[in-house]
PDB file of N, CA and C in Angstrom:
ATOM      1  N   MET A   1      -8.172  37.927  96.206  1.00  0.00           N
ATOM      2  CA  MET A   1      -6.765  37.608  96.121  1.00  0.00           C
ATOM      3  C   MET A   1      -6.063  38.544  95.148  1.00  0.00           C
ATOM      4  N   GLY A   2      -6.745  38.858  94.039  1.00  0.00           N
ATOM      5  CA  GLY A   2      -6.178  39.770  93.057  1.00  0.00           C
ATOM      6  C   GLY A   2      -5.984  41.168  93.616  1.00  0.00           C
ATOM      7  N   ASP A   3      -6.954  41.604  94.457  1.00  0.00           N
ATOM      8  CA  ASP A   3      -6.846  42.918  95.077  1.00  0.00           C
ATOM      9  C   ASP A   3      -5.646  42.991  96.004  1.00  0.00           C
ATOM     10  N   LEU A   4      -5.407  41.938  96.744  1.00  0.00           N
ATOM     11  CA  LEU A   4      -4.266  41.892  97.649  1.00  0.00           C
ATOM     12  C   LEU A   4      -2.960  41.975  96.867  1.00  0.00           C
ATOM     13  N   PHE A   5      -2.903  41.263  95.751  1.00  0.00           N
ATOM     14  CA  PHE A   5      -1.713  41.299  94.913  1.00  0.00           C
ATOM     15  C   PHE A   5      -1.476  42.704  94.361  1.00  0.00           C
ATOM     16  N   MET A   6      -2.526  43.365  93.902  1.00  0.00           N
ATOM     17  CA  MET A   6      -2.407  44.725  93.367  1.00  0.00           C
ATOM     18  C   MET A   6      -1.967  45.702  94.446  1.00  0.00           C
ATOM     19  N   LEU A   7      -2.492  45.541  95.656  1.00  0.00           N
ATOM     20  CA  LEU A   7      -2.106  46.395  96.770  1.00  0.00           C
ATOM     21  C   LEU A   7      -0.631  46.209  97.113  1.00  0.00           C
ATOM     22  N   LEU A   8      -0.201  44.970  97.143  1.00  0.00           N
ATOM     23  CA  LEU A   8       1.201  44.667  97.434  1.00  0.00           C
ATOM     24  C   LEU A   8       2.114  45.202  96.335  1.00  0.00           C
ATOM     25  N   ALA A   9       1.710  45.060  95.097  1.00  0.00           N
ATOM     26  CA  ALA A   9       2.508  45.559  93.972  1.00  0.00           C
ATOM     27  C   ALA A   9       2.635  47.081  94.022  1.00  0.00           C
ATOM     28  N   ALA A  10       1.554  47.774  94.349  1.00  0.00           N
ATOM     29  CA  ALA A  10       1.589  49.229  94.453  1.00  0.00           C
ATOM     30  C   ALA A  10       2.495  49.673  95.599  1.00  0.00           C
ATOM     31  N   PHE A  11       2.437  48.958  96.717  1.00  0.00           N
ATOM     32  CA  PHE A  11       3.298  49.280  97.855  1.00  0.00           C
ATOM     33  C   PHE A  11       4.766  49.105  97.495  1.00  0.00           C
ATOM     34  N   LEU A  12       5.086  47.982  96.860  1.00  0.00           N
ATOM     35  CA  LEU A  12       6.480  47.721  96.488  1.00  0.00           C
ATOM     36  C   LEU A  12       6.984  48.720  95.461  1.00  0.00           C
ATOM     37  N   GLU A  13       6.113  49.155  94.581  1.00  0.00           N
ATOM     38  CA  GLU A  13       6.505  50.135  93.573  1.00  0.00           C
ATOM     39  C   GLU A  13       6.961  51.441  94.218  1.00  0.00           C
ATOM     40  N   THR A  14       6.303  51.848  95.282  1.00  0.00           N
ATOM     41  CA  THR A  14       6.678  53.099  95.947  1.00  0.00           C
ATOM     42  C   THR A  14       7.944  52.954  96.775  1.00  0.00           C
ATOM     43  N   ARG A  15       8.330  51.756  97.110  1.00  0.00           N
ATOM     44  CA  ARG A  15       9.505  51.537  97.951  1.00  0.00           C
ATOM     45  C   ARG A  15      10.742  51.101  97.175  1.00  0.00           C
ATOM     46  N   TRP A  16      10.578  50.772  95.897  1.00  0.00           N
ATOM     47  CA  TRP A  16      11.698  50.320  95.091  1.00  0.00           C
ATOM     48  C   TRP A  16      12.654  51.495  94.859  1.00  0.00           C
ATOM     49  N   PRO A  17      13.961  51.293  94.991  1.00  0.00           N
ATOM     50  CA  PRO A  17      14.906  52.423  94.910  1.00  0.00           C
ATOM     51  C   PRO A  17      15.193  52.885  93.474  1.00  0.00           C
ATOM     52  N   THR A  18      14.198  53.487  92.848  1.00  0.00           N
ATOM     53  CA  THR A  18      14.389  54.039  91.509  1.00  0.00           C
ATOM     54  C   THR A  18      14.750  55.516  91.634  1.00  0.00           C
ATOM     55  N   LYS A  19      15.155  56.101  90.540  1.00  0.00           N
ATOM     56  CA  LYS A  19      15.499  57.527  90.536  1.00  0.00           C
ATOM     57  C   LYS A  19      14.291  58.376  90.951  1.00  0.00           C
ATOM     58  N   LYS A  20      13.129  57.995  90.438  1.00  0.00           N
ATOM     59  CA  LYS A  20      11.891  58.716  90.761  1.00  0.00           C
ATOM     60  C   LYS A  20      11.586  58.632  92.253  1.00  0.00           C
ATOM     61  N   ASN A  21      11.694  57.444  92.833  1.00  0.00           N
ATOM     62  CA  ASN A  21      11.396  57.281  94.256  1.00  0.00           C
ATOM     63  C   ASN A  21      12.428  57.983  95.138  1.00  0.00           C
ATOM     64  N   ARG A  22      13.682  58.019  94.696  1.00  0.00           N
ATOM     65  CA  ARG A  22      14.697  58.749  95.463  1.00  0.00           C
ATOM     66  C   ARG A  22      14.368  60.237  95.489  1.00  0.00           C
ATOM     67  N   LEU A  23      13.920  60.774  94.355  1.00  0.00           N
ATOM     68  CA  LEU A  23      13.532  62.183  94.281  1.00  0.00           C
ATOM     69  C   LEU A  23      12.347  62.457  95.201  1.00  0.00           C
ATOM     70  N   ILE A  24      11.360  61.600  95.167  1.00  0.00           N
ATOM     71  CA  ILE A  24      10.185  61.765  96.026  1.00  0.00           C
ATOM     72  C   ILE A  24      10.590  61.702  97.487  1.00  0.00           C
ATOM     73  N   ASN A  25      11.407  60.733  97.849  1.00  0.00           N
ATOM     74  CA  ASN A  25      11.843  60.604  99.243  1.00  0.00           C
ATOM     75  C   ASN A  25      12.661  61.811  99.687  1.00  0.00           C
ATOM     76  N   GLN A  26      13.478  62.347  98.788  1.00  0.00           N
ATOM     77  CA  GLN A  26      14.252  63.547  99.109  1.00  0.00           C
ATOM     78  C   GLN A  26      13.313  64.721  99.378  1.00  0.00           C
ATOM     79  N   ARG A  27      12.285  64.857  98.565  1.00  0.00           N
ATOM     80  CA  ARG A  27      11.332  65.956  98.748  1.00  0.00           C
ATOM     81  C   ARG A  27      10.492  65.754 100.006  1.00  0.00           C
ATOM     82  N   LEU A  28      10.165  64.512 100.328  1.00  0.00           N
ATOM     83  CA  LEU A  28       9.457  64.253 101.582  1.00  0.00           C
ATOM     84  C   LEU A  28      10.325  64.630 102.786  1.00  0.00           C
ATOM     85  N   LYS A  29      11.627  64.381 102.681  1.00  0.00           N
ATOM     86  CA  LYS A  29      12.542  64.780 103.756  1.00  0.00           C
ATOM     87  C   LYS A  29      12.594  66.297 103.900  1.00  0.00           C
ATOM     88  N   LEU A  30      12.548  67.014 102.775  1.00  0.00           N
ATOM     89  CA  LEU A  30      12.498  68.473 102.833  1.00  0.00           C
ATOM     90  C   LEU A  30      11.239  68.952 103.549  1.00  0.00           C
ATOM     91  N   LEU A  31      10.109  68.313 103.229  1.00  0.00           N
ATOM     92  CA  LEU A  31       8.860  68.674 103.903  1.00  0.00           C
ATOM     93  C   LEU A  31       8.936  68.385 105.395  1.00  0.00           C
ATOM     94  N   LYS A  32       9.552  67.268 105.748  1.00  0.00           N
ATOM     95  CA  LYS A  32       9.687  66.917 107.156  1.00  0.00           C
ATOM     96  C   LYS A  32      10.600  67.906 107.877  1.00  0.00           C
ATOM     97  N   LYS A  33      11.695  68.257 107.241  1.00  0.00           N
ATOM     98  CA  LYS A  33      12.653  69.188 107.836  1.00  0.00           C
ATOM     99  C   LYS A  33      12.026  70.567 108.048  1.00  0.00           C
ATOM    100  N   SER A  34      11.163  70.975 107.124  1.00  0.00           N
ATOM    101  CA  SER A  34      10.518  72.283 107.237  1.00  0.00           C
ATOM    102  C   SER A  34       9.365  72.279 108.233  1.00  0.00           C
ATOM    103  N   GLY A  35       8.933  71.094 108.670  1.00  0.00           N
ATOM    104  CA  GLY A  35       7.835  70.999 109.626  1.00  0.00           C
ATOM    105  C   GLY A  35       6.465  70.900 108.973  1.00  0.00           C
ATOM    106  N   ILE A  36       6.414  71.005 107.681  1.00  0.00           N
ATOM    107  CA  ILE A  36       5.137  70.960 106.968  1.00  0.00           C
ATOM    108  C   ILE A  36       4.555  69.552 106.956  1.00  0.00           C
ATOM    109  N   LEU A  37       5.407  68.544 106.894  1.00  0.00           N
ATOM    110  CA  LEU A  37       4.919  67.166 106.802  1.00  0.00           C
ATOM    111  C   LEU A  37       4.095  66.784 108.034  1.00  0.00           C
ATOM    112  N   ASP A  38       4.480  67.259 109.207  1.00  0.00           N
ATOM    113  CA  ASP A  38       3.703  66.961 110.414  1.00  0.00           C
ATOM    114  C   ASP A  38       2.301  67.557 110.331  1.00  0.00           C
ATOM    115  N   SER A  39       2.206  68.792 109.845  1.00  0.00           N
ATOM    116  CA  SER A  39       0.877  69.403 109.724  1.00  0.00           C
ATOM    117  C   SER A  39       0.050  68.708 108.652  1.00  0.00           C
ATOM    118  N   LEU A  40       0.713  68.238 107.575  1.00  0.00           N
ATOM    119  CA  LEU A  40      -0.009  67.488 106.545  1.00  0.00           C
ATOM    120  C   LEU A  40      -0.501  66.154 107.088  1.00  0.00           C
ATOM    121  N   ASN A  41       0.303  65.542 107.932  1.00  0.00           N
ATOM    122  CA  ASN A  41      -0.090  64.262 108.536  1.00  0.00           C
ATOM    123  C   ASN A  41      -1.320  64.439 109.415  1.00  0.00           C
ATOM    124  N   VAL A  42      -1.367  65.522 110.165  1.00  0.00           N
ATOM    125  CA  VAL A  42      -2.528  65.806 111.012  1.00  0.00           C
ATOM    126  C   VAL A  42      -3.742  66.130 110.141  1.00  0.00           C
ATOM    127  N   ARG A  43      -3.518  66.893 109.093  1.00  0.00           N
ATOM    128  CA  ARG A  43      -4.606  67.354 108.241  1.00  0.00           C
ATOM    129  C   ARG A  43      -5.211  66.236 107.384  1.00  0.00           C
ATOM    130  N   TYR A  44      -4.356  65.414 106.770  1.00  0.00           N
ATOM    131  CA  TYR A  44      -4.835  64.413 105.822  1.00  0.00           C
ATOM    132  C   TYR A  44      -4.710  62.971 106.300  1.00  0.00           C
ATOM    133  N   GLY A  45      -3.780  62.718 107.188  1.00  0.00           N
ATOM    134  CA  GLY A  45      -3.582  61.364 107.680  1.00  0.00           C
ATOM    135  C   GLY A  45      -2.551  60.602 106.870  1.00  0.00           C
ATOM    136  N   PRO A  46      -2.027  59.548 107.444  1.00  0.00           N
ATOM    137  CA  PRO A  46      -0.962  58.789 106.782  1.00  0.00           C
ATOM    138  C   PRO A  46      -1.416  58.052 105.521  1.00  0.00           C
ATOM    139  N   VAL A  47      -2.688  57.729 105.422  1.00  0.00           N
ATOM    140  CA  VAL A  47      -3.164  57.012 104.234  1.00  0.00           C
ATOM    141  C   VAL A  47      -2.996  57.882 102.995  1.00  0.00           C
ATOM    142  N   VAL A  48      -3.342  59.140 103.104  1.00  0.00           N
ATOM    143  CA  VAL A  48      -3.195  60.064 101.980  1.00  0.00           C
ATOM    144  C   VAL A  48      -1.718  60.312 101.684  1.00  0.00           C
ATOM    145  N   LEU A  49      -0.927  60.533 102.714  1.00  0.00           N
ATOM    146  CA  LEU A  49       0.477  60.875 102.524  1.00  0.00           C
ATOM    147  C   LEU A  49       1.306  59.732 101.954  1.00  0.00           C
ATOM    148  N   HIS A  50       0.847  58.512 102.107  1.00  0.00           N
ATOM    149  CA  HIS A  50       1.570  57.372 101.562  1.00  0.00           C
ATOM    150  C   HIS A  50       0.948  56.859 100.264  1.00  0.00           C
ATOM    151  N   SER A  51      -0.059  57.557  99.766  1.00  0.00           N
ATOM    152  CA  SER A  51      -0.708  57.121  98.534  1.00  0.00           C
ATOM    153  C   SER A  51       0.171  57.423  97.321  1.00  0.00           C
ATOM    154  N   THR A  52      -0.037  56.667  96.282  1.00  0.00           N
ATOM    155  CA  THR A  52       0.711  56.846  95.041  1.00  0.00           C
ATOM    156  C   THR A  52       0.406  58.215  94.434  1.00  0.00           C
ATOM    157  N   GLU A  53      -0.843  58.653  94.516  1.00  0.00           N
ATOM    158  CA  GLU A  53      -1.229  59.940  93.950  1.00  0.00           C
ATOM    159  C   GLU A  53      -0.503  61.088  94.631  1.00  0.00           C
ATOM    160  N   PHE A  54      -0.412  61.044  95.961  1.00  0.00           N
ATOM    161  CA  PHE A  54       0.283  62.100  96.696  1.00  0.00           C
ATOM    162  C   PHE A  54       1.764  62.099  96.345  1.00  0.00           C
ATOM    163  N   ARG A  55       2.360  60.916  96.257  1.00  0.00           N
ATOM    164  CA  ARG A  55       3.783  60.820  95.918  1.00  0.00           C
ATOM    165  C   ARG A  55       4.051  61.404  94.522  1.00  0.00           C
ATOM    166  N   GLU A  56       3.146  61.176  93.577  1.00  0.00           N
ATOM    167  CA  GLU A  56       3.292  61.760  92.241  1.00  0.00           C
ATOM    168  C   GLU A  56       3.142  63.277  92.297  1.00  0.00           C
ATOM    169  N   PHE A  57       2.225  63.753  93.123  1.00  0.00           N
ATOM    170  CA  PHE A  57       2.037  65.195  93.310  1.00  0.00           C
ATOM    171  C   PHE A  57       3.336  65.824  93.816  1.00  0.00           C
ATOM    172  N   ILE A  58       3.983  65.166  94.763  1.00  0.00           N
ATOM    173  CA  ILE A  58       5.254  65.647  95.313  1.00  0.00           C
ATOM    174  C   ILE A  58       6.335  65.651  94.223  1.00  0.00           C
ATOM    175  N   ARG A  59       6.374  64.619  93.419  1.00  0.00           N
ATOM    176  CA  ARG A  59       7.400  64.496  92.384  1.00  0.00           C
ATOM    177  C   ARG A  59       7.276  65.587  91.331  1.00  0.00           C
ATOM    178  N   GLU A  60       6.054  65.975  91.005  1.00  0.00           N
ATOM    179  CA  GLU A  60       5.817  66.932  89.930  1.00  0.00           C
ATOM    180  C   GLU A  60       6.103  68.378  90.318  1.00  0.00           C
ATOM    181  N   ARG A  61       6.228  68.669  91.596  1.00  0.00           N
ATOM    182  CA  ARG A  61       6.451  70.043  92.046  1.00  0.00           C
ATOM    183  C   ARG A  61       7.909  70.240  92.456  1.00  0.00           C
ATOM    184  N   GLU A  62       8.409  71.442  92.250  1.00  0.00           N
ATOM    185  CA  GLU A  62       9.779  71.772  92.644  1.00  0.00           C
ATOM    186  C   GLU A  62       9.765  72.310  94.073  1.00  0.00           C
ATOM    187  N   LEU A  63       9.688  71.396  95.025  1.00  0.00           N
ATOM    188  CA  LEU A  63       9.555  71.792  96.420  1.00  0.00           C
ATOM    189  C   LEU A  63      10.767  72.554  96.937  1.00  0.00           C
ATOM    190  N   GLU A  64      11.926  72.311  96.365  1.00  0.00           N
ATOM    191  CA  GLU A  64      13.114  73.026  96.804  1.00  0.00           C
ATOM    192  C   GLU A  64      12.912  74.535  96.659  1.00  0.00           C
ATOM    193  N   ARG A  65      12.368  74.954  95.526  1.00  0.00           N
ATOM    194  CA  ARG A  65      12.095  76.395  95.305  1.00  0.00           C
ATOM    195  C   ARG A  65      10.859  76.857  96.059  1.00  0.00           C
ATOM    196  N   ILE A  66       9.852  76.026  96.114  1.00  0.00           N
ATOM    197  CA  ILE A  66       8.593  76.406  96.763  1.00  0.00           C
ATOM    198  C   ILE A  66       8.803  76.689  98.242  1.00  0.00           C
ATOM    199  N   LEU A  67       9.576  75.861  98.909  1.00  0.00           N
ATOM    200  CA  LEU A  67       9.767  76.007 100.349  1.00  0.00           C
ATOM    201  C   LEU A  67      10.645  77.199 100.720  1.00  0.00           C
ATOM    202  N   GLN A  68      11.337  77.769  99.768  1.00  0.00           N
ATOM    203  CA  GLN A  68      12.163  78.943 100.040  1.00  0.00           C
ATOM    204  C   GLN A  68      11.337  80.212 100.164  1.00  0.00           C
ATOM    205  N   ASN A  69      10.134  80.210  99.642  1.00  0.00           N
ATOM    206  CA  ASN A  69       9.288  81.394  99.620  1.00  0.00           C
ATOM    207  C   ASN A  69       7.974  81.083 100.334  1.00  0.00           C
ATOM    208  N   PRO A  70       7.692  81.757 101.451  1.00  0.00           N
ATOM    209  CA  PRO A  70       6.443  81.475 102.192  1.00  0.00           C
ATOM    210  C   PRO A  70       5.176  81.668 101.354  1.00  0.00           C
ATOM    211  N   ARG A  71       5.192  82.629 100.441  1.00  0.00           N
ATOM    212  CA  ARG A  71       4.020  82.863  99.599  1.00  0.00           C
ATOM    213  C   ARG A  71       3.787  81.666  98.665  1.00  0.00           C
ATOM    214  N   ARG A  72       4.872  81.161  98.083  1.00  0.00           N
ATOM    215  CA  ARG A  72       4.754  79.974  97.224  1.00  0.00           C
ATOM    216  C   ARG A  72       4.336  78.748  98.032  1.00  0.00           C
ATOM    217  N   THR A  73       4.812  78.676  99.256  1.00  0.00           N
ATOM    218  CA  THR A  73       4.448  77.552 100.118  1.00  0.00           C
ATOM    219  C   THR A  73       2.950  77.563 100.400  1.00  0.00           C
ATOM    220  N   ASP A  74       2.409  78.752 100.696  1.00  0.00           N
ATOM    221  CA  ASP A  74       0.963  78.863 100.921  1.00  0.00           C
ATOM    222  C   ASP A  74       0.182  78.496  99.671  1.00  0.00           C
ATOM    223  N   GLU A  75       0.680  78.936  98.512  1.00  0.00           N
ATOM    224  CA  GLU A  75       0.049  78.604  97.240  1.00  0.00           C
ATOM    225  C   GLU A  75       0.046  77.086  97.012  1.00  0.00           C
ATOM    226  N   TRP A  76       1.176  76.461  97.317  1.00  0.00           N
ATOM    227  CA  TRP A  76       1.312  75.016  97.156  1.00  0.00           C
ATOM    228  C   TRP A  76       0.354  74.269  98.081  1.00  0.00           C
ATOM    229  N   MET A  77       0.183  74.775  99.300  1.00  0.00           N
ATOM    230  CA  MET A  77      -0.741  74.140 100.245  1.00  0.00           C
ATOM    231  C   MET A  77      -2.182  74.218  99.737  1.00  0.00           C
ATOM    232  N   ARG A  78      -2.561  75.356  99.153  1.00  0.00           N
ATOM    233  CA  ARG A  78      -3.907  75.474  98.571  1.00  0.00           C
ATOM    234  C   ARG A  78      -4.070  74.518  97.388  1.00  0.00           C
ATOM    235  N   GLU A  79      -3.028  74.420  96.578  1.00  0.00           N
ATOM    236  CA  GLU A  79      -3.057  73.493  95.444  1.00  0.00           C
ATOM    237  C   GLU A  79      -3.195  72.049  95.934  1.00  0.00           C
ATOM    238  N   LEU A  80      -2.503  71.726  97.006  1.00  0.00           N
ATOM    239  CA  LEU A  80      -2.594  70.392  97.594  1.00  0.00           C
ATOM    240  C   LEU A  80      -3.995  70.124  98.128  1.00  0.00           C
ATOM    241  N   ASP A  81      -4.598  71.111  98.780  1.00  0.00           N
ATOM    242  CA  ASP A  81      -5.983  70.960  99.253  1.00  0.00           C
ATOM    243  C   ASP A  81      -6.926  70.621  98.103  1.00  0.00           C
ATOM    244  N   LEU A  82      -6.799  71.366  97.014  1.00  0.00           N
ATOM    245  CA  LEU A  82      -7.636  71.106  95.840  1.00  0.00           C
ATOM    246  C   LEU A  82      -7.377  69.712  95.275  1.00  0.00           C
ATOM    247  N   PHE A  83      -6.122  69.333  95.205  1.00  0.00           N
ATOM    248  CA  PHE A  83      -5.750  68.017  94.690  1.00  0.00           C
ATOM    249  C   PHE A  83      -6.395  66.904  95.515  1.00  0.00           C
ATOM    250  N   VAL A  84      -6.311  67.020  96.831  1.00  0.00           N
ATOM    251  CA  VAL A  84      -6.874  65.995  97.723  1.00  0.00           C
ATOM    252  C   VAL A  84      -8.394  65.953  97.576  1.00  0.00           C
ATOM    253  N   LYS A  85      -9.038  67.111  97.486  1.00  0.00           N
ATOM    254  CA  LYS A  85     -10.499  67.148  97.345  1.00  0.00           C
ATOM    255  C   LYS A  85     -10.953  66.578  96.006  1.00  0.00           C
ATOM    256  N   GLU A  86     -10.234  66.939  94.927  1.00  0.00           N
ATOM    257  CA  GLU A  86     -10.605  66.440  93.604  1.00  0.00           C
ATOM    258  C   GLU A  86     -10.457  64.928  93.495  1.00  0.00           C
ATOM    259  N   ARG A  87      -9.426  64.384  94.108  1.00  0.00           N
ATOM    260  CA  ARG A  87      -9.167  62.945  94.043  1.00  0.00           C
ATOM    261  C   ARG A  87      -9.978  62.163  95.068  1.00  0.00           C
ATOM    262  N   GLY A  88     -10.573  62.868  96.011  1.00  0.00           N
ATOM    263  CA  GLY A  88     -11.356  62.196  97.035  1.00  0.00           C
ATOM    264  C   GLY A  88     -10.481  61.397  98.006  1.00  0.00           C
ATOM    265  N   LEU A  89      -9.270  61.880  98.203  1.00  0.00           N
ATOM    266  CA  LEU A  89      -8.355  61.190  99.115  1.00  0.00           C
ATOM    267  C   LEU A  89      -8.709  61.580 100.501  1.00  0.00           C
TER     268      LEU A  89
END
């Protein structure tokens, strides 16, 4: 029962309209608009993309600048691969 409560609390935390969550959602929209989010969904699956760790990873990076430069985008994708492998997501 405690695990269910913790899972529900974590889910609600990611959906609550805070400044941090608005920033994350804005960056997720940028990824979707660029077409990268679809490839990430195929590569990692929705469980990883909706995880708290992934959302924090998105928040910490300046995706607006990264997506403007293909070289930075490739670098970011490699960094994301390492992040997912290290966390075991």
